[in-house]
C-alpha atoms as a PDB file:
ATOM      1  CA  MET A   1      -0.067  -0.126   0.147  1.00  0.00           C
ATOM      2  CA  ARG A   2       1.492   3.787  -0.513  1.00  0.00           C
ATOM      3  CA  LEU A   3       0.694   6.226   2.061  1.00  0.00           C
ATOM      4  CA  VAL A   4       0.045   9.616   0.994  1.00  0.00           C
ATOM      5  CA  VAL A   5      -0.092  13.045   2.406  1.00  0.00           C
ATOM      6  CA  ALA A   6      -3.039  16.000   1.395  1.00  0.00           C
ATOM      7  CA  ALA A   7      -2.369  19.135   2.592  1.00  0.00           C
ATOM      8  CA  VAL A   8      -5.622  20.924   2.875  1.00  0.00           C
ATOM      9  CA  VAL A   9      -5.218  25.000   3.801  1.00  0.00           C
ATOM     10  CA  GLU A  10      -7.735  26.695   4.349  1.00  0.00           C
ATOM     11  CA  ARG A  11      -7.805  30.915   4.537  1.00  0.00           C
ATOM     12  CA  GLU A  12      -9.139  33.760   6.663  1.00  0.00           C
ATOM     13  CA  ASP A  13     -12.125  33.316   4.133  1.00  0.00           C
ATOM     14  CA  ARG A  14     -12.797  29.945   4.260  1.00  0.00           C
ATOM     15  CA  ARG A  15     -11.052  29.344   0.599  1.00  0.00           C
ATOM     16  CA  LEU A  16      -9.023  26.155   0.276  1.00  0.00           C
ATOM     17  CA  LEU A  17      -5.503  26.064  -1.683  1.00  0.00           C
ATOM     18  CA  ILE A  18      -6.074  23.387  -4.828  1.00  0.00           C
ATOM     19  CA  GLY A  19      -2.794  23.394  -7.766  1.00  0.00           C
ATOM     20  CA  GLN A  20      -3.734  22.294 -11.132  1.00  0.00           C
ATOM     21  CA  ARG A  21      -1.044  19.424 -12.242  1.00  0.00           C
ATOM     22  CA  ARG A  22       1.333  19.940 -15.325  1.00  0.00           C
ATOM     23  CA  ARG A  23       0.341  19.177 -18.580  1.00  0.00           C
ATOM     24  CA  SER A  24       3.087  16.714 -18.710  1.00  0.00           C
ATOM     25  CA  ASP A  25       2.242  15.215 -15.339  1.00  0.00           C
ATOM     26  CA  THR A  26       0.358  12.119 -14.713  1.00  0.00           C
ATOM     27  CA  SER A  27      -3.609  13.369 -14.260  1.00  0.00           C
ATOM     28  CA  ALA A  28      -2.182  16.016 -16.339  1.00  0.00           C
ATOM     29  CA  LEU A  29      -4.414  19.593 -15.664  1.00  0.00           C
ATOM     30  CA  LYS A  30      -6.525  18.220 -12.857  1.00  0.00           C
ATOM     31  CA  TRP A  31      -6.825  19.273  -9.730  1.00  0.00           C
ATOM     32  CA  GLU A  32      -5.309  18.129  -6.367  1.00  0.00           C
ATOM     33  CA  PHE A  33      -4.671  19.246  -2.744  1.00  0.00           C
ATOM     34  CA  PRO A  34      -1.418  20.023  -2.385  1.00  0.00           C
ATOM     35  CA  GLY A  35       0.828  16.556  -0.502  1.00  0.00           C
ATOM     36  CA  GLY A  36       2.549  13.946  -2.191  1.00  0.00           C
ATOM     37  CA  LYS A  37       3.901  10.098  -1.239  1.00  0.00           C
ATOM     38  CA  VAL A  38       5.548   9.143   1.985  1.00  0.00           C
ATOM     39  CA  ARG A  39       9.254   8.166   1.263  1.00  0.00           C
ATOM     40  CA  GLU A  40      10.478   4.756   3.544  1.00  0.00           C
ATOM     41  CA  GLY A  41      11.297   5.289   6.921  1.00  0.00           C
ATOM     42  CA  GLU A  42      10.023   9.374   6.850  1.00  0.00           C
ATOM     43  CA  GLY A  43       7.187  10.348   9.449  1.00  0.00           C
ATOM     44  CA  LEU A  44       3.468  11.673   7.681  1.00  0.00           C
ATOM     45  CA  GLU A  45       3.803  14.950   8.846  1.00  0.00           C
ATOM     46  CA  GLU A  46       7.634  15.057   7.813  1.00  0.00           C
ATOM     47  CA  ALA A  47       6.240  14.031   4.450  1.00  0.00           C
ATOM     48  CA  LEU A  48       3.377  16.509   4.624  1.00  0.00           C
ATOM     49  CA  ALA A  49       6.066  19.765   6.134  1.00  0.00           C
ATOM     50  CA  ARG A  50       8.531  18.064   2.659  1.00  0.00           C
ATOM     51  CA  GLU A  51       6.690  17.903   0.095  1.00  0.00           C
ATOM     52  CA  LEU A  52       4.913  21.656   0.994  1.00  0.00           C
ATOM     53  CA  ARG A  53       8.024  23.160   1.396  1.00  0.00           C
ATOM     54  CA  GLU A  54       9.077  21.714  -2.532  1.00  0.00           C
ATOM     55  CA  GLU A  55       5.614  22.250  -4.210  1.00  0.00           C
ATOM     56  CA  LEU A  56       5.199  25.811  -2.601  1.00  0.00           C
ATOM     57  CA  GLY A  57       7.663  26.770  -0.888  1.00  0.00           C
ATOM     58  CA  VAL A  58       6.222  27.093   2.475  1.00  0.00           C
ATOM     59  CA  THR A  59       6.649  26.367   5.899  1.00  0.00           C
ATOM     60  CA  VAL A  60       4.019  24.253   8.249  1.00  0.00           C
ATOM     61  CA  LEU A  61       3.091  26.210  11.281  1.00  0.00           C
ATOM     62  CA  LYS A  62       0.562  23.701  12.346  1.00  0.00           C
ATOM     63  CA  SER A  63      -0.880  20.163  11.275  1.00  0.00           C
ATOM     64  CA  ARG A  64      -3.540  17.985  12.432  1.00  0.00           C
ATOM     65  CA  LYS A  65      -4.830  15.013  11.459  1.00  0.00           C
ATOM     66  CA  ILE A  66      -8.262  15.183   9.886  1.00  0.00           C
ATOM     67  CA  GLY A  67      -8.747  12.040   7.961  1.00  0.00           C
ATOM     68  CA  GLN A  68      -7.775   9.172   5.476  1.00  0.00           C
ATOM     69  CA  VAL A  69      -9.215   7.748   3.225  1.00  0.00           C
ATOM     70  CA  ARG A  70      -8.213   4.249   0.832  1.00  0.00           C
ATOM     71  CA  HIS A  71      -8.421   4.868  -2.837  1.00  0.00           C
ATOM     72  CA  ARG A  72      -7.823   2.545  -5.894  1.00  0.00           C
ATOM     73  CA  TYR A  73      -7.070   4.284  -9.249  1.00  0.00           C
ATOM     74  CA  ALA A  74      -8.275   2.596 -12.484  1.00  0.00           C
ATOM     75  CA  ASN A  75      -5.412   2.632 -13.973  1.00  0.00           C
ATOM     76  CA  THR A  76      -2.827   0.989 -11.350  1.00  0.00           C
ATOM     77  CA  ALA A  77      -3.221  -1.862  -9.231  1.00  0.00           C
ATOM     78  CA  GLU A  78      -1.925  -0.478  -5.680  1.00  0.00           C
ATOM     79  CA  GLU A  79      -4.039   0.715  -3.390  1.00  0.00           C
ATOM     80  CA  TRP A  80      -3.651   4.295  -2.043  1.00  0.00           C
ATOM     81  CA  GLU A  81      -3.536   5.347   1.488  1.00  0.00           C
ATOM     82  CA  ILE A  82      -4.367   9.097   1.652  1.00  0.00           C
ATOM     83  CA  HIS A  83      -4.226  11.051   5.239  1.00  0.00           C
ATOM     84  CA  PHE A  84      -5.161  14.277   4.778  1.00  0.00           C
ATOM     85  CA  PHE A  85      -4.570  17.264   7.630  1.00  0.00           C
ATOM     86  CA  ALA A  86      -5.779  20.585   8.291  1.00  0.00           C
ATOM     87  CA  VAL A  87      -2.641  22.375   7.899  1.00  0.00           C
ATOM     88  CA  LYS A  88      -1.581  26.206   8.756  1.00  0.00           C
ATOM     89  CA  ILE A  89       0.934  28.019   6.690  1.00  0.00           C
ATOM     90  CA  ALA A  90       3.768  30.593   7.755  1.00  0.00           C
ATOM     91  CA  GLU A  91       2.954  32.206   4.275  1.00  0.00           C
ATOM     92  CA  LYS A  92       1.148  34.587   3.104  1.00  0.00           C
ATOM     93  CA  GLU A  93       2.037  35.068  -0.544  1.00  0.00           C
ATOM     94  CA  ILE A  94       2.338  31.286  -2.647  1.00  0.00           C
ATOM     95  CA  THR A  95       4.442  30.307  -5.683  1.00  0.00           C
ATOM     96  CA  PRO A  96       3.597  27.132  -6.746  1.00  0.00           C
ATOM     97  CA  ARG A  97       6.614  25.183  -7.955  1.00  0.00           C
ATOM     98  CA  VAL A  98       5.524  21.953  -9.413  1.00  0.00           C
ATOM     99  CA  PHE A  99       2.322  22.711 -10.520  1.00  0.00           C
ATOM    100  CA  GLU A 100       1.022  24.784 -12.706  1.00  0.00           C
ATOM    101  CA  GLN A 101      -1.615  27.429 -11.259  1.00  0.00           C
ATOM    102  CA  ILE A 102      -3.089  27.642  -7.983  1.00  0.00           C
ATOM    103  CA  ALA A 103      -6.082  28.871  -7.078  1.00  0.00           C
ATOM    104  CA  TRP A 104      -8.217  29.518  -3.599  1.00  0.00           C
ATOM    105  CA  VAL A 105     -11.252  27.946  -3.762  1.00  0.00           C
ATOM    106  CA  LEU A 106     -14.612  27.096  -1.579  1.00  0.00           C
ATOM    107  CA  LYS A 107     -15.527  24.088  -1.078  1.00  0.00           C
ATOM    108  CA  GLY A 108     -19.103  24.795  -3.256  1.00  0.00           C
ATOM    109  CA  GLU A 109     -16.877  25.785  -6.260  1.00  0.00           C
ATOM    110  CA  MET A 110     -15.099  22.143  -6.404  1.00  0.00           C
ATOM    111  CA  ASP A 111     -16.275  19.739  -8.619  1.00  0.00           C
ATOM    112  CA  PHE A 112     -15.287  16.253  -7.951  1.00  0.00           C
ATOM    113  CA  PRO A 113     -16.894  12.830  -9.900  1.00  0.00           C
ATOM    114  CA  PRO A 114     -20.578  12.088  -8.480  1.00  0.00           C
ATOM    115  CA  ARG A 115     -17.962   9.079  -5.988  1.00  0.00           C
ATOM    116  CA  GLN A 116     -16.182  12.322  -4.412  1.00  0.00           C
ATOM    117  CA  GLN A 117     -18.886  14.921  -3.691  1.00  0.00           C
ATOM    118  CA  THR A 118     -17.079  16.389  -0.533  1.00  0.00           C
ATOM    119  CA  ALA A 119     -13.133  17.973  -0.150  1.00  0.00           C
ATOM    120  CA  GLY A 120     -11.007  16.323   2.149  1.00  0.00           C
ATOM    121  CA  PRO A 121     -11.350  12.790   4.049  1.00  0.00           C
ATOM    122  CA  ARG A 122     -14.375  11.635   1.318  1.00  0.00           C
ATOM    123  CA  SER A 123     -12.201  12.698  -1.647  1.00  0.00           C
ATOM    124  CA  SER A 124     -10.003  11.712  -3.108  1.00  0.00           C
ATOM    125  CA  ARG A 125      -6.654  13.767  -3.000  1.00  0.00           C
ATOM    126  CA  THR A 126      -7.563  14.808  -7.338  1.00  0.00           C
ATOM    127  CA  PHE A 127     -10.074  16.208  -8.245  1.00  0.00           C
ATOM    128  CA  SER A 128     -11.758  15.832 -12.145  1.00  0.00           C
ATOM    129  CA  ARG A 129     -12.044  18.852 -13.604  1.00  0.00           C
ATOM    130  CA  HIS A 130      -9.189  20.878 -16.029  1.00  0.00           C
ATOM    131  CA  ASN A 131     -11.479  23.985 -15.043  1.00  0.00           C
ATOM    132  CA  PRO A 132     -13.284  24.722 -11.584  1.00  0.00           C
ATOM    133  CA  ARG A 133     -15.421  27.561 -10.960  1.00  0.00           C
ATOM    134  CA  HIS A 134     -12.452  29.899  -9.019  1.00  0.00           C
ATOM    135  CA  ARG A 135     -10.805  32.390  -7.965  1.00  0.00           C
ATOM    136  CA  ARG A 136      -7.060  32.370  -8.884  1.00  0.00           C
ATOM    137  CA  GLY A 137      -4.512  33.621  -6.670  1.00  0.00           C
ATOM    138  CA  ARG A 138      -0.622  33.273  -5.235  1.00  0.00           C
END
């Protein structure tokens, strides 16, 4: 089983941070919560801090696990265990390092497939829609 961490970063205006995968990535141009695979010997929160530093250049001030889900993508036999964390970051300005772009969206603005209607613990880490209704921002 592959362990993955995902950050749910929420601003004061209740908007959540999502990033759009690059055109050259697997699941190209799909939207996701920041995060990624946990490395061998790495703790979940350690992986979360590393991934956010690599993907967005941000520092995690606080994190709290809010749930987890097991998921199997259609094109793989391997099962993924995704751990979701509510995260507070130090930076106000964010520079996407590995994303095509980032956006701050309200939960209702995210468009999921029918089986993934909610953000966070009950959803897959990757969104299906290529053009969500959102406010872009850095």
